[in-house]
Amino acid sequence: MTPAERPPDLPPPRAHDRVPSRVLVHTGDGKGKTSAAMGIVMRAVARGWRVCVVQFVKDGRWKTGEETSARQLGAEWWSIGDGFTWDSDDIDRTEAIAGEAWRVASDLILAGDHHLVVLDEITYPMNWGWIEANHVIEVIRDRPSHVSVVATGRDAPPSLRAVADTVTEMTNLKHPFEQGVAAMRGIEF
């Protein structure tokens, strides 16, 4: 029997310390980054928290199940992106829209009116230099103590990983897209 097949001898030590908020990063090339963030949104709303989601790539034309559900639960939702970059007719405009999305998100975080702010797909404008990564880290680090932040997107920069309490790397092992199967309503969106 290998170590992975046998139960642990002792349970892990119990955590006793409490903190007022957390920073979580969901990154990697696998599916589930935004989906995992939406699970946190559901738990936060169920606890009576005020929640806001800011999307940096998807725009208001996307009608996703996540948005519909989150709004019905009482979460605020800002789809401020300009859509997929490969669809952009004016990349400078797309970059400016990402900058505006960050202005809105940073104001929301620093205002402290929300207990949870999700920065969906923020890693892309950070990595492309469209928003200043150092400013993102500064705002997250200097947020009001009760505000938790979830950041999603591929290739999370090392500085974002460093400021996080939890970093989860989603790994793609198999995906229908690779076989030419389109996204499915109710599963991917």
N, C-alpha and C. Protein backbone atom coordinates (compact mmCIF):
# COMPACT_ATOMS: atom_id res chain seq x y z
N MET A 1 0.85 -1.17 0.00
CA MET A 1 0.00 0.00 0.00
C MET A 1 0.90 1.25 0.00
N THR A 2 0.64 2.16 -0.94
CA THR A 2 1.43 3.40 -1.01
C THR A 2 0.91 4.38 0.03
N PRO A 3 1.73 5.38 0.38
CA PRO A 3 1.27 6.39 1.36
C PRO A 3 -0.03 7.08 0.93
N ALA A 4 -0.25 7.27 -0.37
CA ALA A 4 -1.48 7.94 -0.83
C ALA A 4 -2.71 7.05 -0.63
N GLU A 5 -2.52 5.75 -0.56
CA GLU A 5 -3.64 4.82 -0.42
C GLU A 5 -4.01 4.53 1.03
N ARG A 6 -3.18 4.93 1.96
CA ARG A 6 -3.44 4.61 3.36
C ARG A 6 -3.91 5.87 4.10
N PRO A 7 -4.83 5.70 5.04
CA PRO A 7 -5.32 6.86 5.79
C PRO A 7 -4.22 7.44 6.66
N PRO A 8 -4.32 8.72 6.97
CA PRO A 8 -3.29 9.32 7.83
C PRO A 8 -3.33 8.74 9.24
N ASP A 9 -2.17 8.70 9.87
CA ASP A 9 -2.07 8.18 11.23
C ASP A 9 -2.69 9.14 12.25
N LEU A 10 -2.45 10.42 12.02
CA LEU A 10 -2.95 11.45 12.94
C LEU A 10 -3.71 12.50 12.14
N PRO A 11 -4.75 13.07 12.72
CA PRO A 11 -5.43 14.16 12.01
C PRO A 11 -4.52 15.38 11.97
N PRO A 12 -4.73 16.26 10.98
CA PRO A 12 -3.93 17.49 10.96
C PRO A 12 -4.25 18.33 12.19
N PRO A 13 -3.31 19.15 12.62
CA PRO A 13 -3.58 20.00 13.79
C PRO A 13 -4.74 20.95 13.50
N ARG A 14 -5.54 21.19 14.51
CA ARG A 14 -6.68 22.10 14.35
C ARG A 14 -6.20 23.54 14.31
N ALA A 15 -6.78 24.29 13.42
CA ALA A 15 -6.47 25.72 13.34
C ALA A 15 -7.30 26.45 14.40
N HIS A 16 -6.67 27.38 15.09
CA HIS A 16 -7.36 28.12 16.15
C HIS A 16 -7.39 29.62 15.89
N ASP A 17 -6.46 30.10 15.09
CA ASP A 17 -6.39 31.54 14.84
C ASP A 17 -7.53 31.97 13.93
N ARG A 18 -8.09 33.13 14.20
CA ARG A 18 -9.15 33.72 13.38
C ARG A 18 -8.62 35.01 12.78
N VAL A 19 -8.98 35.25 11.53
CA VAL A 19 -8.61 36.50 10.87
C VAL A 19 -9.89 37.13 10.32
N PRO A 20 -9.93 38.44 10.16
CA PRO A 20 -11.16 39.10 9.73
C PRO A 20 -11.45 38.98 8.24
N SER A 21 -10.44 38.62 7.43
CA SER A 21 -10.65 38.51 5.99
C SER A 21 -9.56 37.65 5.38
N ARG A 22 -9.77 37.31 4.12
CA ARG A 22 -8.81 36.48 3.39
C ARG A 22 -8.63 37.01 1.98
N VAL A 23 -7.51 36.63 1.37
CA VAL A 23 -7.26 36.86 -0.06
C VAL A 23 -7.02 35.50 -0.68
N LEU A 24 -7.81 35.20 -1.72
CA LEU A 24 -7.70 33.92 -2.41
C LEU A 24 -7.42 34.17 -3.88
N VAL A 25 -6.56 33.34 -4.46
CA VAL A 25 -6.25 33.42 -5.88
C VAL A 25 -6.53 32.06 -6.50
N HIS A 26 -7.35 32.07 -7.56
CA HIS A 26 -7.63 30.87 -8.35
C HIS A 26 -6.98 31.10 -9.72
N THR A 27 -5.98 30.29 -10.03
CA THR A 27 -5.21 30.51 -11.25
C THR A 27 -4.96 29.16 -11.93
N GLY A 28 -4.21 29.16 -13.01
CA GLY A 28 -3.87 27.94 -13.73
C GLY A 28 -4.61 27.83 -15.05
N ASP A 29 -4.25 26.80 -15.82
CA ASP A 29 -4.84 26.64 -17.16
C ASP A 29 -6.07 25.75 -17.16
N GLY A 30 -6.48 25.27 -16.02
CA GLY A 30 -7.65 24.40 -15.94
C GLY A 30 -8.94 25.15 -15.73
N LYS A 31 -10.03 24.45 -16.00
CA LYS A 31 -11.37 25.00 -15.82
C LYS A 31 -11.69 25.10 -14.32
N GLY A 32 -12.50 26.08 -13.95
CA GLY A 32 -13.01 26.13 -12.60
C GLY A 32 -12.60 27.32 -11.76
N LYS A 33 -11.82 28.25 -12.30
CA LYS A 33 -11.37 29.38 -11.51
C LYS A 33 -12.54 30.29 -11.09
N THR A 34 -13.32 30.71 -12.07
CA THR A 34 -14.48 31.54 -11.76
C THR A 34 -15.52 30.73 -11.02
N SER A 35 -15.70 29.47 -11.39
CA SER A 35 -16.69 28.62 -10.70
C SER A 35 -16.36 28.51 -9.22
N ALA A 36 -15.09 28.34 -8.88
CA ALA A 36 -14.69 28.27 -7.48
C ALA A 36 -14.99 29.59 -6.77
N ALA A 37 -14.73 30.70 -7.45
CA ALA A 37 -15.03 32.01 -6.86
C ALA A 37 -16.53 32.16 -6.61
N MET A 38 -17.35 31.62 -7.51
CA MET A 38 -18.80 31.72 -7.34
C MET A 38 -19.29 30.89 -6.15
N GLY A 39 -18.61 29.81 -5.84
CA GLY A 39 -18.93 29.06 -4.63
C GLY A 39 -18.71 29.92 -3.39
N ILE A 40 -17.64 30.70 -3.40
CA ILE A 40 -17.36 31.60 -2.28
C ILE A 40 -18.43 32.70 -2.22
N VAL A 41 -18.84 33.20 -3.39
CA VAL A 41 -19.91 34.21 -3.44
C VAL A 41 -21.17 33.65 -2.77
N MET A 42 -21.53 32.42 -3.10
CA MET A 42 -22.73 31.82 -2.51
C MET A 42 -22.62 31.69 -1.00
N ARG A 43 -21.45 31.24 -0.52
CA ARG A 43 -21.28 31.10 0.93
C ARG A 43 -21.32 32.46 1.62
N ALA A 44 -20.70 33.47 1.01
CA ALA A 44 -20.67 34.81 1.60
C ALA A 44 -22.07 35.41 1.69
N VAL A 45 -22.83 35.30 0.61
CA VAL A 45 -24.19 35.83 0.60
C VAL A 45 -25.04 35.10 1.65
N ALA A 46 -24.85 33.79 1.77
CA ALA A 46 -25.60 33.01 2.76
C ALA A 46 -25.30 33.46 4.19
N ARG A 47 -24.13 34.06 4.40
CA ARG A 47 -23.75 34.56 5.73
C ARG A 47 -24.15 36.01 5.93
N GLY A 48 -24.87 36.58 4.95
CA GLY A 48 -25.33 37.95 5.08
C GLY A 48 -24.31 38.99 4.67
N TRP A 49 -23.25 38.57 4.02
CA TRP A 49 -22.22 39.52 3.57
C TRP A 49 -22.71 40.29 2.36
N ARG A 50 -22.22 41.51 2.24
CA ARG A 50 -22.43 42.29 1.03
C ARG A 50 -21.30 41.89 0.07
N VAL A 51 -21.67 41.51 -1.16
CA VAL A 51 -20.74 40.92 -2.12
C VAL A 51 -20.81 41.66 -3.45
N CYS A 52 -19.65 41.80 -4.08
CA CYS A 52 -19.57 42.41 -5.41
C CYS A 52 -18.61 41.60 -6.28
N VAL A 53 -18.99 41.39 -7.54
CA VAL A 53 -18.13 40.74 -8.53
C VAL A 53 -17.82 41.77 -9.61
N VAL A 54 -16.53 41.92 -9.92
CA VAL A 54 -16.10 42.80 -11.01
C VAL A 54 -15.40 41.92 -12.05
N GLN A 55 -15.93 41.92 -13.28
CA GLN A 55 -15.34 41.12 -14.35
C GLN A 55 -14.50 42.02 -15.24
N PHE A 56 -13.27 41.56 -15.51
CA PHE A 56 -12.31 42.35 -16.26
C PHE A 56 -12.25 42.01 -17.74
N VAL A 57 -12.81 40.89 -18.16
CA VAL A 57 -12.79 40.52 -19.57
C VAL A 57 -14.21 40.48 -20.13
N LYS A 58 -15.09 39.75 -19.49
CA LYS A 58 -16.45 39.64 -19.99
C LYS A 58 -17.15 41.00 -19.90
N ASP A 59 -17.98 41.25 -20.91
CA ASP A 59 -18.73 42.51 -20.91
C ASP A 59 -20.19 42.23 -20.65
N GLY A 60 -21.00 43.24 -20.66
CA GLY A 60 -22.41 43.11 -20.35
C GLY A 60 -23.20 42.28 -21.35
N ARG A 61 -22.63 41.98 -22.52
CA ARG A 61 -23.34 41.16 -23.50
C ARG A 61 -23.40 39.69 -23.07
N TRP A 62 -22.45 39.27 -22.23
CA TRP A 62 -22.46 37.90 -21.73
C TRP A 62 -23.60 37.76 -20.74
N LYS A 63 -24.39 36.76 -20.90
CA LYS A 63 -25.47 36.46 -19.96
C LYS A 63 -25.15 35.09 -19.36
N THR A 64 -24.41 35.10 -18.26
CA THR A 64 -23.94 33.85 -17.66
C THR A 64 -24.86 33.41 -16.52
N GLY A 65 -24.84 32.12 -16.29
CA GLY A 65 -25.59 31.58 -15.16
C GLY A 65 -25.07 32.12 -13.84
N GLU A 66 -23.76 32.33 -13.76
CA GLU A 66 -23.18 32.86 -12.52
C GLU A 66 -23.75 34.23 -12.19
N GLU A 67 -23.83 35.10 -13.20
CA GLU A 67 -24.36 36.44 -12.97
C GLU A 67 -25.82 36.38 -12.56
N THR A 68 -26.61 35.61 -13.29
CA THR A 68 -28.03 35.51 -12.97
C THR A 68 -28.23 35.04 -11.53
N SER A 69 -27.54 33.98 -11.15
CA SER A 69 -27.68 33.43 -9.79
C SER A 69 -27.20 34.42 -8.74
N ALA A 70 -26.03 35.01 -8.97
CA ALA A 70 -25.47 35.93 -7.98
C ALA A 70 -26.38 37.14 -7.77
N ARG A 71 -26.91 37.69 -8.85
CA ARG A 71 -27.83 38.82 -8.72
C ARG A 71 -29.09 38.42 -7.95
N GLN A 72 -29.62 37.23 -8.25
CA GLN A 72 -30.81 36.77 -7.54
C GLN A 72 -30.54 36.62 -6.05
N LEU A 73 -29.31 36.28 -5.70
CA LEU A 73 -28.94 36.14 -4.30
C LEU A 73 -28.63 37.47 -3.63
N GLY A 74 -28.53 38.55 -4.42
CA GLY A 74 -28.30 39.87 -3.86
C GLY A 74 -26.90 40.43 -4.05
N ALA A 75 -26.05 39.72 -4.78
CA ALA A 75 -24.70 40.23 -5.04
C ALA A 75 -24.74 41.29 -6.13
N GLU A 76 -23.85 42.26 -6.02
CA GLU A 76 -23.67 43.24 -7.10
C GLU A 76 -22.79 42.61 -8.17
N TRP A 77 -22.98 43.03 -9.42
CA TRP A 77 -22.22 42.43 -10.52
C TRP A 77 -21.85 43.52 -11.51
N TRP A 78 -20.58 43.66 -11.77
CA TRP A 78 -20.08 44.64 -12.72
C TRP A 78 -19.31 43.91 -13.81
N SER A 79 -19.88 43.82 -15.02
CA SER A 79 -19.16 43.27 -16.18
C SER A 79 -18.62 44.46 -16.95
N ILE A 80 -17.39 44.83 -16.63
CA ILE A 80 -16.82 46.07 -17.16
C ILE A 80 -15.84 45.79 -18.30
N GLY A 81 -15.54 44.54 -18.58
CA GLY A 81 -14.59 44.23 -19.64
C GLY A 81 -15.12 44.60 -21.01
N ASP A 82 -14.29 44.35 -22.01
CA ASP A 82 -14.64 44.67 -23.40
C ASP A 82 -14.73 43.40 -24.23
N GLY A 83 -14.88 42.26 -23.58
CA GLY A 83 -14.94 41.00 -24.32
C GLY A 83 -13.55 40.44 -24.55
N PHE A 84 -13.50 39.34 -25.27
CA PHE A 84 -12.22 38.69 -25.55
C PHE A 84 -11.34 39.58 -26.41
N THR A 85 -10.07 39.65 -26.07
CA THR A 85 -9.16 40.55 -26.77
C THR A 85 -9.07 40.23 -28.25
N TRP A 86 -9.19 38.96 -28.63
CA TRP A 86 -9.09 38.60 -30.04
C TRP A 86 -10.29 39.09 -30.84
N ASP A 87 -11.36 39.51 -30.15
CA ASP A 87 -12.53 40.08 -30.82
C ASP A 87 -12.47 41.61 -30.88
N SER A 88 -11.46 42.20 -30.26
CA SER A 88 -11.40 43.66 -30.14
C SER A 88 -11.04 44.31 -31.48
N ASP A 89 -11.81 45.34 -31.83
CA ASP A 89 -11.50 46.15 -33.01
C ASP A 89 -10.58 47.31 -32.65
N ASP A 90 -10.47 47.61 -31.35
CA ASP A 90 -9.66 48.74 -30.89
C ASP A 90 -9.02 48.35 -29.56
N ILE A 91 -7.82 47.79 -29.62
CA ILE A 91 -7.17 47.26 -28.43
C ILE A 91 -6.85 48.37 -27.42
N ASP A 92 -6.61 49.59 -27.90
CA ASP A 92 -6.39 50.70 -26.97
C ASP A 92 -7.64 50.99 -26.14
N ARG A 93 -8.80 50.91 -26.78
CA ARG A 93 -10.08 51.08 -26.08
C ARG A 93 -10.27 49.95 -25.07
N THR A 94 -9.96 48.73 -25.49
CA THR A 94 -10.09 47.57 -24.61
C THR A 94 -9.21 47.74 -23.38
N GLU A 95 -7.99 48.23 -23.58
CA GLU A 95 -7.08 48.48 -22.46
C GLU A 95 -7.65 49.56 -21.54
N ALA A 96 -8.19 50.62 -22.12
CA ALA A 96 -8.76 51.71 -21.30
C ALA A 96 -9.95 51.21 -20.48
N ILE A 97 -10.74 50.32 -21.05
CA ILE A 97 -11.88 49.76 -20.32
C ILE A 97 -11.39 48.93 -19.14
N ALA A 98 -10.32 48.16 -19.33
CA ALA A 98 -9.74 47.39 -18.23
C ALA A 98 -9.25 48.33 -17.12
N GLY A 99 -8.67 49.45 -17.51
CA GLY A 99 -8.24 50.44 -16.52
C GLY A 99 -9.40 51.00 -15.73
N GLU A 100 -10.53 51.22 -16.40
CA GLU A 100 -11.73 51.71 -15.71
C GLU A 100 -12.28 50.64 -14.78
N ALA A 101 -12.23 49.39 -15.21
CA ALA A 101 -12.68 48.29 -14.35
C ALA A 101 -11.85 48.25 -13.07
N TRP A 102 -10.54 48.44 -13.20
CA TRP A 102 -9.70 48.44 -12.00
C TRP A 102 -10.00 49.65 -11.12
N ARG A 103 -10.26 50.81 -11.71
CA ARG A 103 -10.60 51.99 -10.91
C ARG A 103 -11.84 51.69 -10.08
N VAL A 104 -12.87 51.12 -10.71
CA VAL A 104 -14.11 50.78 -10.00
C VAL A 104 -13.82 49.75 -8.91
N ALA A 105 -13.08 48.69 -9.26
CA ALA A 105 -12.80 47.63 -8.29
C ALA A 105 -11.99 48.14 -7.10
N SER A 106 -10.96 48.94 -7.37
CA SER A 106 -10.14 49.44 -6.26
C SER A 106 -10.95 50.36 -5.36
N ASP A 107 -11.84 51.18 -5.94
CA ASP A 107 -12.72 52.02 -5.13
C ASP A 107 -13.64 51.17 -4.26
N LEU A 108 -14.19 50.10 -4.85
CA LEU A 108 -15.08 49.21 -4.09
C LEU A 108 -14.34 48.57 -2.93
N ILE A 109 -13.13 48.09 -3.18
CA ILE A 109 -12.35 47.43 -2.13
C ILE A 109 -12.04 48.41 -1.00
N LEU A 110 -11.50 49.56 -1.36
CA LEU A 110 -11.05 50.52 -0.35
C LEU A 110 -12.21 51.18 0.41
N ALA A 111 -13.38 51.27 -0.22
CA ALA A 111 -14.53 51.87 0.46
C ALA A 111 -14.97 51.02 1.65
N GLY A 112 -14.75 49.71 1.57
CA GLY A 112 -15.09 48.84 2.68
C GLY A 112 -16.56 48.55 2.86
N ASP A 113 -17.38 48.85 1.86
CA ASP A 113 -18.82 48.60 1.96
C ASP A 113 -19.18 47.15 1.70
N HIS A 114 -18.25 46.39 1.14
CA HIS A 114 -18.49 44.98 0.82
C HIS A 114 -17.60 44.11 1.70
N HIS A 115 -18.10 42.94 2.04
CA HIS A 115 -17.28 41.98 2.78
C HIS A 115 -16.47 41.11 1.83
N LEU A 116 -16.92 41.00 0.57
CA LEU A 116 -16.23 40.19 -0.43
C LEU A 116 -16.27 40.90 -1.76
N VAL A 117 -15.10 41.02 -2.39
CA VAL A 117 -15.00 41.55 -3.75
C VAL A 117 -14.26 40.51 -4.58
N VAL A 118 -14.91 40.06 -5.66
CA VAL A 118 -14.30 39.11 -6.59
C VAL A 118 -13.77 39.88 -7.79
N LEU A 119 -12.50 39.67 -8.08
CA LEU A 119 -11.84 40.30 -9.22
C LEU A 119 -11.67 39.22 -10.29
N ASP A 120 -12.71 39.02 -11.09
CA ASP A 120 -12.74 37.91 -12.04
C ASP A 120 -11.90 38.24 -13.28
N GLU A 121 -10.92 37.40 -13.53
CA GLU A 121 -10.01 37.50 -14.68
C GLU A 121 -9.12 38.74 -14.61
N ILE A 122 -8.77 39.15 -13.40
CA ILE A 122 -7.90 40.33 -13.25
C ILE A 122 -6.46 40.04 -13.66
N THR A 123 -6.06 38.78 -13.66
CA THR A 123 -4.66 38.48 -13.98
C THR A 123 -4.28 38.89 -15.41
N TYR A 124 -5.25 38.87 -16.32
CA TYR A 124 -4.93 39.20 -17.71
C TYR A 124 -4.50 40.65 -17.86
N PRO A 125 -5.31 41.64 -17.44
CA PRO A 125 -4.83 43.03 -17.57
C PRO A 125 -3.59 43.31 -16.72
N MET A 126 -3.41 42.59 -15.63
CA MET A 126 -2.19 42.75 -14.84
C MET A 126 -0.98 42.30 -15.66
N ASN A 127 -1.07 41.12 -16.26
CA ASN A 127 0.05 40.57 -17.01
C ASN A 127 0.34 41.33 -18.30
N TRP A 128 -0.68 41.91 -18.90
CA TRP A 128 -0.50 42.66 -20.14
C TRP A 128 -0.05 44.09 -19.90
N GLY A 129 0.07 44.50 -18.63
CA GLY A 129 0.49 45.85 -18.31
C GLY A 129 -0.61 46.88 -18.48
N TRP A 130 -1.85 46.45 -18.58
CA TRP A 130 -2.96 47.37 -18.76
C TRP A 130 -3.36 48.03 -17.45
N ILE A 131 -3.12 47.35 -16.35
CA ILE A 131 -3.30 47.95 -15.04
C ILE A 131 -2.01 47.68 -14.27
N GLU A 132 -1.67 48.59 -13.40
CA GLU A 132 -0.41 48.48 -12.67
C GLU A 132 -0.50 47.41 -11.59
N ALA A 133 0.25 46.34 -11.78
CA ALA A 133 0.21 45.22 -10.84
C ALA A 133 0.56 45.67 -9.43
N ASN A 134 1.52 46.55 -9.29
CA ASN A 134 1.91 47.02 -7.96
C ASN A 134 0.75 47.73 -7.26
N HIS A 135 -0.06 48.45 -8.03
CA HIS A 135 -1.20 49.13 -7.43
C HIS A 135 -2.25 48.11 -6.99
N VAL A 136 -2.47 47.08 -7.78
CA VAL A 136 -3.41 46.02 -7.40
C VAL A 136 -2.97 45.41 -6.07
N ILE A 137 -1.68 45.09 -5.96
CA ILE A 137 -1.17 44.47 -4.74
C ILE A 137 -1.30 45.44 -3.56
N GLU A 138 -1.00 46.70 -3.79
CA GLU A 138 -1.11 47.71 -2.72
C GLU A 138 -2.54 47.83 -2.21
N VAL A 139 -3.50 47.88 -3.12
CA VAL A 139 -4.91 48.00 -2.72
C VAL A 139 -5.34 46.76 -1.95
N ILE A 140 -4.97 45.58 -2.44
CA ILE A 140 -5.34 44.35 -1.74
C ILE A 140 -4.70 44.31 -0.35
N ARG A 141 -3.44 44.66 -0.27
CA ARG A 141 -2.73 44.63 1.01
C ARG A 141 -3.29 45.66 1.99
N ASP A 142 -3.68 46.83 1.48
CA ASP A 142 -4.13 47.93 2.35
C ASP A 142 -5.66 48.01 2.48
N ARG A 143 -6.37 46.98 2.05
CA ARG A 143 -7.83 46.98 2.11
C ARG A 143 -8.29 47.06 3.57
N PRO A 144 -9.54 47.50 3.78
CA PRO A 144 -10.09 47.43 5.14
C PRO A 144 -10.03 46.00 5.65
N SER A 145 -9.82 45.84 6.92
CA SER A 145 -9.52 44.52 7.49
C SER A 145 -10.64 43.50 7.31
N HIS A 146 -11.88 43.93 7.12
CA HIS A 146 -13.00 42.99 6.98
C HIS A 146 -13.30 42.60 5.54
N VAL A 147 -12.57 43.15 4.57
CA VAL A 147 -12.85 42.90 3.15
C VAL A 147 -12.00 41.74 2.64
N SER A 148 -12.67 40.68 2.21
CA SER A 148 -11.99 39.56 1.58
C SER A 148 -11.99 39.78 0.07
N VAL A 149 -10.96 39.26 -0.61
CA VAL A 149 -10.80 39.43 -2.05
C VAL A 149 -10.51 38.07 -2.67
N VAL A 150 -11.19 37.79 -3.78
CA VAL A 150 -10.88 36.62 -4.60
C VAL A 150 -10.46 37.12 -5.97
N ALA A 151 -9.29 36.69 -6.43
CA ALA A 151 -8.79 37.06 -7.76
C ALA A 151 -8.68 35.81 -8.61
N THR A 152 -9.15 35.90 -9.87
CA THR A 152 -9.09 34.76 -10.76
C THR A 152 -8.36 35.10 -12.05
N GLY A 153 -7.93 34.05 -12.74
CA GLY A 153 -7.32 34.18 -14.06
C GLY A 153 -6.04 33.38 -14.17
N ARG A 154 -5.68 33.04 -15.38
CA ARG A 154 -4.46 32.28 -15.64
C ARG A 154 -3.22 33.11 -15.30
N ASP A 155 -2.16 32.42 -15.04
CA ASP A 155 -0.83 33.03 -14.88
C ASP A 155 -0.82 34.15 -13.83
N ALA A 156 -1.36 33.88 -12.66
CA ALA A 156 -1.32 34.89 -11.60
C ALA A 156 0.11 35.32 -11.35
N PRO A 157 0.39 36.62 -11.37
CA PRO A 157 1.75 37.09 -11.15
C PRO A 157 2.26 36.69 -9.76
N PRO A 158 3.57 36.51 -9.63
CA PRO A 158 4.14 36.15 -8.33
C PRO A 158 3.74 37.11 -7.21
N SER A 159 3.64 38.39 -7.51
CA SER A 159 3.28 39.36 -6.46
C SER A 159 1.85 39.14 -5.97
N LEU A 160 0.94 38.74 -6.85
CA LEU A 160 -0.43 38.45 -6.44
C LEU A 160 -0.47 37.17 -5.62
N ARG A 161 0.28 36.18 -6.03
CA ARG A 161 0.37 34.94 -5.26
C ARG A 161 0.93 35.21 -3.86
N ALA A 162 1.91 36.10 -3.78
CA ALA A 162 2.57 36.38 -2.50
C ALA A 162 1.63 37.06 -1.51
N VAL A 163 0.75 37.94 -1.98
CA VAL A 163 -0.14 38.67 -1.07
C VAL A 163 -1.35 37.81 -0.66
N ALA A 164 -1.55 36.69 -1.34
CA ALA A 164 -2.71 35.84 -1.07
C ALA A 164 -2.49 34.95 0.14
N ASP A 165 -3.58 34.61 0.81
CA ASP A 165 -3.57 33.62 1.88
C ASP A 165 -3.69 32.22 1.30
N THR A 166 -4.48 32.10 0.23
CA THR A 166 -4.71 30.82 -0.43
C THR A 166 -4.49 31.00 -1.92
N VAL A 167 -3.70 30.13 -2.51
CA VAL A 167 -3.51 30.11 -3.96
C VAL A 167 -3.82 28.69 -4.44
N THR A 168 -4.75 28.60 -5.36
CA THR A 168 -5.12 27.31 -5.94
C THR A 168 -4.80 27.33 -7.41
N GLU A 169 -4.04 26.34 -7.85
CA GLU A 169 -3.64 26.21 -9.25
C GLU A 169 -4.53 25.15 -9.90
N MET A 170 -5.39 25.59 -10.83
CA MET A 170 -6.25 24.66 -11.57
C MET A 170 -5.43 24.08 -12.72
N THR A 171 -5.41 22.77 -12.84
CA THR A 171 -4.63 22.10 -13.87
C THR A 171 -5.57 21.43 -14.86
N ASN A 172 -5.34 21.67 -16.14
CA ASN A 172 -6.14 21.05 -17.18
C ASN A 172 -5.59 19.66 -17.49
N LEU A 173 -6.37 18.63 -17.22
CA LEU A 173 -5.99 17.27 -17.57
C LEU A 173 -6.72 16.80 -18.83
N LYS A 174 -7.94 17.29 -19.00
CA LYS A 174 -8.74 16.93 -20.17
C LYS A 174 -9.88 17.92 -20.27
N HIS A 175 -10.20 18.37 -21.48
CA HIS A 175 -11.27 19.34 -21.65
C HIS A 175 -11.95 19.14 -23.00
N PRO A 176 -13.28 19.23 -23.06
CA PRO A 176 -13.98 19.05 -24.33
C PRO A 176 -13.54 20.01 -25.43
N PHE A 177 -13.11 21.23 -25.07
CA PHE A 177 -12.67 22.18 -26.08
C PHE A 177 -11.57 21.58 -26.95
N GLU A 178 -10.72 20.76 -26.33
CA GLU A 178 -9.60 20.15 -27.05
C GLU A 178 -10.07 19.17 -28.13
N GLN A 179 -11.30 18.69 -28.01
CA GLN A 179 -11.89 17.80 -29.01
C GLN A 179 -12.84 18.56 -29.93
N GLY A 180 -12.81 19.90 -29.84
CA GLY A 180 -13.65 20.72 -30.70
C GLY A 180 -15.08 20.87 -30.22
N VAL A 181 -15.37 20.54 -28.96
CA VAL A 181 -16.71 20.65 -28.41
C VAL A 181 -16.89 22.05 -27.80
N ALA A 182 -17.95 22.73 -28.23
CA ALA A 182 -18.20 24.10 -27.79
C ALA A 182 -18.64 24.15 -26.33
N ALA A 183 -18.53 25.34 -25.74
CA ALA A 183 -18.98 25.57 -24.37
C ALA A 183 -20.46 25.25 -24.25
N MET A 184 -20.83 24.70 -23.10
CA MET A 184 -22.21 24.28 -22.87
C MET A 184 -22.87 25.16 -21.82
N ARG A 185 -24.02 25.72 -22.19
CA ARG A 185 -24.80 26.52 -21.26
C ARG A 185 -25.15 25.66 -20.05
N GLY A 186 -24.94 26.18 -18.85
CA GLY A 186 -25.20 25.43 -17.63
C GLY A 186 -23.97 24.72 -17.10
N ILE A 187 -22.96 24.51 -17.93
CA ILE A 187 -21.69 23.91 -17.49
C ILE A 187 -20.58 24.95 -17.53
N GLU A 188 -20.31 25.53 -18.71
CA GLU A 188 -19.24 26.52 -18.82
C GLU A 188 -19.72 27.95 -18.61
N PHE A 189 -21.01 28.21 -18.82
CA PHE A 189 -21.51 29.57 -18.63
C PHE A 189 -22.97 29.54 -18.28
